[in-house]
Amino acid sequence: MHVANNIYVKKPGTGKATAQNTQTTQPVQTNAANNKKVKDKKSSLLNIIIIVLTVILFFLLVAFIVQTSPRTNTFYTESSAEDLIRRMNYSGYQRLLESVYENRTLGVTEAEKPELTVPYAIADYYEAAFLYKGYLKADNPGAEAYLQTMNEAKSKMGEYAYIADDIDEELGLD
């Protein structure tokens, strides 16, 4: 498409302008071609942004599912009698009690594994003695129930009953 330009020239002294038709042809650039190039650039940029956001959303979704999914027996492992005694010797009675709770959470009972009777009894004694001391300080009549639990646990300790005396001394129950 070509456009002819009309040039208006004022003649000197007459004060009138006359039109002179000059047939200069200039190619007219259509906006359609420019718009298409711009749209292609915008389209490819938007596609890249959408892909990047989709990948980010995917990883966030996976992280959310991993965090909120129920975990069964993931962090607990069954402890043997030797492991429980070792934990008691190196980390104290509180760590033994935690390990016994972990075992019980996993369903490991004294009936299934009789070798766990003594470590379980020591942990039960420690827990009952700790609660007994708290109930005594509060003058709560429920202290007697914990004293009975302490006596039952001590009877299960057998030759390790001396540990009950250590626990009493540690907790100040002399």
C-alpha atoms as a PDB file:
ATOM      1  CA  MET A   1       0.000   0.000   0.000  1.00  0.00           C
ATOM      2  CA  HIS A   2       1.370   3.400  -0.965  1.00  0.00           C
ATOM      3  CA  VAL A   3       0.284   6.881   0.048  1.00  0.00           C
ATOM      4  CA  ALA A   4       0.604   9.982  -2.091  1.00  0.00           C
ATOM      5  CA  ASN A   5       1.562  13.115  -0.230  1.00  0.00           C
ATOM      6  CA  ASN A   6      -0.008  16.452  -1.044  1.00  0.00           C
ATOM      7  CA  ILE A   7       2.235  19.339  -0.199  1.00  0.00           C
ATOM      8  CA  TYR A   8       0.747  22.784   0.164  1.00  0.00           C
ATOM      9  CA  VAL A   9       3.149  25.468  -0.901  1.00  0.00           C
ATOM     10  CA  LYS A  10       2.558  29.175  -0.419  1.00  0.00           C
ATOM     11  CA  LYS A  11       3.524  31.202  -3.461  1.00  0.00           C
ATOM     12  CA  PRO A  12       5.441  34.339  -2.588  1.00  0.00           C
ATOM     13  CA  GLY A  13       3.514  37.576  -2.954  1.00  0.00           C
ATOM     14  CA  THR A  14       0.130  35.968  -3.690  1.00  0.00           C
ATOM     15  CA  GLY A  15      -0.780  34.788  -0.258  1.00  0.00           C
ATOM     16  CA  LYS A  16      -2.432  31.725  -1.737  1.00  0.00           C
ATOM     17  CA  ALA A  17      -1.430  28.205  -1.083  1.00  0.00           C
ATOM     18  CA  THR A  18      -1.601  25.719  -3.888  1.00  0.00           C
ATOM     19  CA  ALA A  19      -1.526  21.999  -3.639  1.00  0.00           C
ATOM     20  CA  GLN A  20       1.208  20.199  -5.365  1.00  0.00           C
ATOM     21  CA  ASN A  21       0.782  16.496  -5.722  1.00  0.00           C
ATOM     22  CA  THR A  22       4.014  14.731  -5.240  1.00  0.00           C
ATOM     23  CA  GLN A  23       3.880  11.059  -5.852  1.00  0.00           C
ATOM     24  CA  THR A  24       6.399   9.971  -3.307  1.00  0.00           C
ATOM     25  CA  THR A  25       5.648   6.543  -2.229  1.00  0.00           C
ATOM     26  CA  GLN A  26       6.453   5.302   1.189  1.00  0.00           C
ATOM     27  CA  PRO A  27       5.688   1.837   2.447  1.00  0.00           C
ATOM     28  CA  VAL A  28       3.145   1.952   5.217  1.00  0.00           C
ATOM     29  CA  GLN A  29       3.928  -0.371   8.078  1.00  0.00           C
ATOM     30  CA  THR A  30       0.859  -2.039   9.307  1.00  0.00           C
ATOM     31  CA  ASN A  31       0.240  -2.295  13.028  1.00  0.00           C
ATOM     32  CA  ALA A  32      -0.837  -5.891  12.533  1.00  0.00           C
ATOM     33  CA  ALA A  33       2.727  -7.057  11.855  1.00  0.00           C
ATOM     34  CA  ASN A  34       4.097  -5.153  14.838  1.00  0.00           C
ATOM     35  CA  ASN A  35       1.316  -6.391  17.082  1.00  0.00           C
ATOM     36  CA  LYS A  36       1.999  -9.983  16.094  1.00  0.00           C
ATOM     37  CA  LYS A  37       5.678  -9.734  17.036  1.00  0.00           C
ATOM     38  CA  VAL A  38       4.830  -8.119  20.363  1.00  0.00           C
ATOM     39  CA  LYS A  39       2.152 -10.720  21.050  1.00  0.00           C
ATOM     40  CA  ASP A  40       4.575 -13.561  20.258  1.00  0.00           C
ATOM     41  CA  LYS A  41       7.151 -12.148  22.687  1.00  0.00           C
ATOM     42  CA  LYS A  42       4.523 -11.614  25.389  1.00  0.00           C
ATOM     43  CA  SER A  43       3.058 -15.046  24.786  1.00  0.00           C
ATOM     44  CA  SER A  44       6.382 -16.850  25.102  1.00  0.00           C
ATOM     45  CA  LEU A  45       7.289 -14.855  28.228  1.00  0.00           C
ATOM     46  CA  LEU A  46       3.939 -15.666  29.823  1.00  0.00           C
ATOM     47  CA  ASN A  47       4.360 -19.347  28.939  1.00  0.00           C
ATOM     48  CA  ILE A  48       7.749 -19.421  30.671  1.00  0.00           C
ATOM     49  CA  ILE A  49       6.306 -17.706  33.757  1.00  0.00           C
ATOM     50  CA  ILE A  50       3.396 -20.170  33.882  1.00  0.00           C
ATOM     51  CA  ILE A  51       5.757 -23.145  33.641  1.00  0.00           C
ATOM     52  CA  VAL A  52       8.011 -21.813  36.413  1.00  0.00           C
ATOM     53  CA  LEU A  53       5.036 -21.118  38.687  1.00  0.00           C
ATOM     54  CA  THR A  54       3.617 -24.567  37.986  1.00  0.00           C
ATOM     55  CA  VAL A  55       6.898 -26.220  39.003  1.00  0.00           C
ATOM     56  CA  ILE A  56       7.060 -24.134  42.189  1.00  0.00           C
ATOM     57  CA  LEU A  57       3.451 -24.978  43.008  1.00  0.00           C
ATOM     58  CA  PHE A  58       4.150 -28.667  42.456  1.00  0.00           C
ATOM     59  CA  PHE A  59       7.065 -28.675  44.926  1.00  0.00           C
ATOM     60  CA  LEU A  60       5.065 -26.706  47.490  1.00  0.00           C
ATOM     61  CA  LEU A  61       2.212 -29.194  47.168  1.00  0.00           C
ATOM     62  CA  VAL A  62       4.573 -32.137  47.677  1.00  0.00           C
ATOM     63  CA  ALA A  63       6.084 -30.459  50.756  1.00  0.00           C
ATOM     64  CA  PHE A  64       2.607 -29.808  52.169  1.00  0.00           C
ATOM     65  CA  ILE A  65       1.534 -33.420  51.652  1.00  0.00           C
ATOM     66  CA  VAL A  66       4.702 -34.743  53.290  1.00  0.00           C
ATOM     67  CA  GLN A  67       4.222 -32.458  56.302  1.00  0.00           C
ATOM     68  CA  THR A  68       0.558 -33.239  56.844  1.00  0.00           C
ATOM     69  CA  SER A  69       0.509 -36.948  56.076  1.00  0.00           C
ATOM     70  CA  PRO A  70       0.086 -39.215  59.082  1.00  0.00           C
ATOM     71  CA  ARG A  71       3.309 -40.841  60.086  1.00  0.00           C
ATOM     72  CA  THR A  72       3.061 -44.236  61.673  1.00  0.00           C
ATOM     73  CA  ASN A  73       6.038 -45.648  63.485  1.00  0.00           C
ATOM     74  CA  THR A  74       8.377 -43.414  61.563  1.00  0.00           C
ATOM     75  CA  PHE A  75      10.472 -42.031  64.360  1.00  0.00           C
ATOM     76  CA  TYR A  76      10.292 -44.785  66.939  1.00  0.00           C
ATOM     77  CA  THR A  77      12.331 -47.920  66.847  1.00  0.00           C
ATOM     78  CA  GLU A  78      11.964 -50.797  69.215  1.00  0.00           C
ATOM     79  CA  SER A  79      14.518 -50.819  72.021  1.00  0.00           C
ATOM     80  CA  SER A  80      15.897 -54.009  73.516  1.00  0.00           C
ATOM     81  CA  ALA A  81      16.411 -54.517  77.242  1.00  0.00           C
ATOM     82  CA  GLU A  82      20.127 -53.796  76.839  1.00  0.00           C
ATOM     83  CA  ASP A  83      19.391 -50.556  74.972  1.00  0.00           C
ATOM     84  CA  LEU A  84      16.992 -49.462  77.692  1.00  0.00           C
ATOM     85  CA  ILE A  85      19.498 -50.150  80.481  1.00  0.00           C
ATOM     86  CA  ARG A  86      22.237 -48.377  78.515  1.00  0.00           C
ATOM     87  CA  ARG A  87      20.012 -45.329  78.077  1.00  0.00           C
ATOM     88  CA  MET A  88      19.252 -45.345  81.781  1.00  0.00           C
ATOM     89  CA  ASN A  89      22.961 -45.531  82.689  1.00  0.00           C
ATOM     90  CA  TYR A  90      24.108 -42.796  80.305  1.00  0.00           C
ATOM     91  CA  SER A  91      21.102 -40.506  80.033  1.00  0.00           C
ATOM     92  CA  GLY A  92      19.223 -41.026  83.268  1.00  0.00           C
ATOM     93  CA  TYR A  93      15.842 -42.313  84.293  1.00  0.00           C
ATOM     94  CA  GLN A  94      13.935 -39.717  82.289  1.00  0.00           C
ATOM     95  CA  ARG A  95      15.412 -41.008  79.017  1.00  0.00           C
ATOM     96  CA  LEU A  96      14.621 -44.580  80.083  1.00  0.00           C
ATOM     97  CA  LEU A  97      11.006 -43.570  80.695  1.00  0.00           C
ATOM     98  CA  GLU A  98      10.822 -41.941  77.238  1.00  0.00           C
ATOM     99  CA  SER A  99      12.218 -45.071  75.580  1.00  0.00           C
ATOM    100  CA  VAL A 100       9.739 -47.278  77.429  1.00  0.00           C
ATOM    101  CA  TYR A 101       6.895 -45.040  76.237  1.00  0.00           C
ATOM    102  CA  GLU A 102       8.223 -45.359  72.677  1.00  0.00           C
ATOM    103  CA  ASN A 103       8.295 -49.155  73.016  1.00  0.00           C
ATOM    104  CA  ARG A 104       4.772 -49.222  74.398  1.00  0.00           C
ATOM    105  CA  THR A 105       3.614 -46.958  71.566  1.00  0.00           C
ATOM    106  CA  LEU A 106       5.008 -49.533  69.149  1.00  0.00           C
ATOM    107  CA  GLY A 107       3.072 -52.247  70.976  1.00  0.00           C
ATOM    108  CA  VAL A 108       6.067 -53.940  72.605  1.00  0.00           C
ATOM    109  CA  THR A 109       4.807 -55.383  75.878  1.00  0.00           C
ATOM    110  CA  GLU A 110       6.331 -57.296  78.762  1.00  0.00           C
ATOM    111  CA  ALA A 111       4.154 -60.284  77.903  1.00  0.00           C
ATOM    112  CA  GLU A 112       5.768 -60.540  74.450  1.00  0.00           C
ATOM    113  CA  LYS A 113       9.306 -59.931  75.692  1.00  0.00           C
ATOM    114  CA  PRO A 114       9.828 -60.904  79.322  1.00  0.00           C
ATOM    115  CA  GLU A 115      13.383 -59.495  79.281  1.00  0.00           C
ATOM    116  CA  LEU A 116      11.812 -56.020  79.245  1.00  0.00           C
ATOM    117  CA  THR A 117      10.123 -56.524  82.633  1.00  0.00           C
ATOM    118  CA  VAL A 118      12.942 -54.972  84.679  1.00  0.00           C
ATOM    119  CA  PRO A 119      13.522 -51.880  82.485  1.00  0.00           C
ATOM    120  CA  TYR A 120       9.761 -51.297  82.276  1.00  0.00           C
ATOM    121  CA  ALA A 121       9.464 -51.683  86.063  1.00  0.00           C
ATOM    122  CA  ILE A 122      12.284 -49.173  86.634  1.00  0.00           C
ATOM    123  CA  ALA A 123      10.624 -46.673  84.281  1.00  0.00           C
ATOM    124  CA  ASP A 124       7.237 -47.208  85.938  1.00  0.00           C
ATOM    125  CA  TYR A 125       8.793 -46.733  89.371  1.00  0.00           C
ATOM    126  CA  TYR A 126      10.499 -43.511  88.287  1.00  0.00           C
ATOM    127  CA  GLU A 127       7.300 -42.102  86.826  1.00  0.00           C
ATOM    128  CA  ALA A 128       5.221 -43.047  89.879  1.00  0.00           C
ATOM    129  CA  ALA A 129       7.859 -41.670  92.287  1.00  0.00           C
ATOM    130  CA  PHE A 130       8.028 -38.392  90.383  1.00  0.00           C
ATOM    131  CA  LEU A 131       4.236 -38.020  90.479  1.00  0.00           C
ATOM    132  CA  TYR A 132       4.089 -39.178  94.105  1.00  0.00           C
ATOM    133  CA  LYS A 133       6.487 -36.399  95.091  1.00  0.00           C
ATOM    134  CA  GLY A 134       4.345 -33.812  93.292  1.00  0.00           C
ATOM    135  CA  TYR A 135       1.154 -35.053  94.919  1.00  0.00           C
ATOM    136  CA  LEU A 136       2.826 -35.012  98.347  1.00  0.00           C
ATOM    137  CA  LYS A 137       3.903 -31.397  97.911  1.00  0.00           C
ATOM    138  CA  ALA A 138       0.353 -30.461  96.918  1.00  0.00           C
ATOM    139  CA  ASP A 139      -1.136 -32.436  99.837  1.00  0.00           C
ATOM    140  CA  ASN A 140      -3.271 -34.300  97.326  1.00  0.00           C
ATOM    141  CA  PRO A 141      -4.850 -37.537  98.562  1.00  0.00           C
ATOM    142  CA  GLY A 142      -4.088 -39.180  95.179  1.00  0.00           C
ATOM    143  CA  ALA A 143      -0.494 -39.627  96.325  1.00  0.00           C
ATOM    144  CA  GLU A 144      -1.355 -43.001  97.857  1.00  0.00           C
ATOM    145  CA  ALA A 145      -2.219 -44.452  94.424  1.00  0.00           C
ATOM    146  CA  TYR A 146       1.255 -43.563  93.172  1.00  0.00           C
ATOM    147  CA  LEU A 147       2.852 -45.052  96.285  1.00  0.00           C
ATOM    148  CA  GLN A 148       1.044 -48.310  95.510  1.00  0.00           C
ATOM    149  CA  THR A 149       2.290 -48.171  91.877  1.00  0.00           C
ATOM    150  CA  MET A 150       5.830 -47.620  93.181  1.00  0.00           C
ATOM    151  CA  ASN A 151       5.584 -50.715  95.407  1.00  0.00           C
ATOM    152  CA  GLU A 152       4.243 -52.853  92.528  1.00  0.00           C
ATOM    153  CA  ALA A 153       7.037 -51.700  90.207  1.00  0.00           C
ATOM    154  CA  LYS A 154       9.676 -52.307  92.893  1.00  0.00           C
ATOM    155  CA  SER A 155       8.459 -55.888  93.343  1.00  0.00           C
ATOM    156  CA  LYS A 156       8.960 -56.486  89.581  1.00  0.00           C
ATOM    157  CA  MET A 157      12.566 -55.225  89.714  1.00  0.00           C
ATOM    158  CA  GLY A 158      13.819 -58.340  91.479  1.00  0.00           C
ATOM    159  CA  GLU A 159      17.570 -58.140  92.113  1.00  0.00           C
ATOM    160  CA  TYR A 160      17.605 -54.575  90.739  1.00  0.00           C
ATOM    161  CA  ALA A 161      15.389 -53.254  93.556  1.00  0.00           C
ATOM    162  CA  TYR A 162      18.329 -51.158  94.780  1.00  0.00           C
ATOM    163  CA  ILE A 163      17.648 -48.844  91.795  1.00  0.00           C
ATOM    164  CA  ALA A 164      14.407 -47.802  93.512  1.00  0.00           C
ATOM    165  CA  ASP A 165      16.497 -46.448  96.393  1.00  0.00           C
ATOM    166  CA  ASP A 166      18.640 -44.492  93.884  1.00  0.00           C
ATOM    167  CA  ILE A 167      15.510 -43.009  92.331  1.00  0.00           C
ATOM    168  CA  ASP A 168      14.148 -42.067  95.766  1.00  0.00           C
ATOM    169  CA  GLU A 169      17.431 -40.379  96.619  1.00  0.00           C
ATOM    170  CA  GLU A 170      17.538 -38.544  93.275  1.00  0.00           C
ATOM    171  CA  LEU A 171      14.002 -37.256  93.730  1.00  0.00           C
ATOM    172  CA  GLY A 172      14.449 -36.487  97.445  1.00  0.00           C
ATOM    173  CA  LEU A 173      11.948 -39.061  98.720  1.00  0.00           C
ATOM    174  CA  ASP A 174      14.101 -40.366 101.552  1.00  0.00           C
END
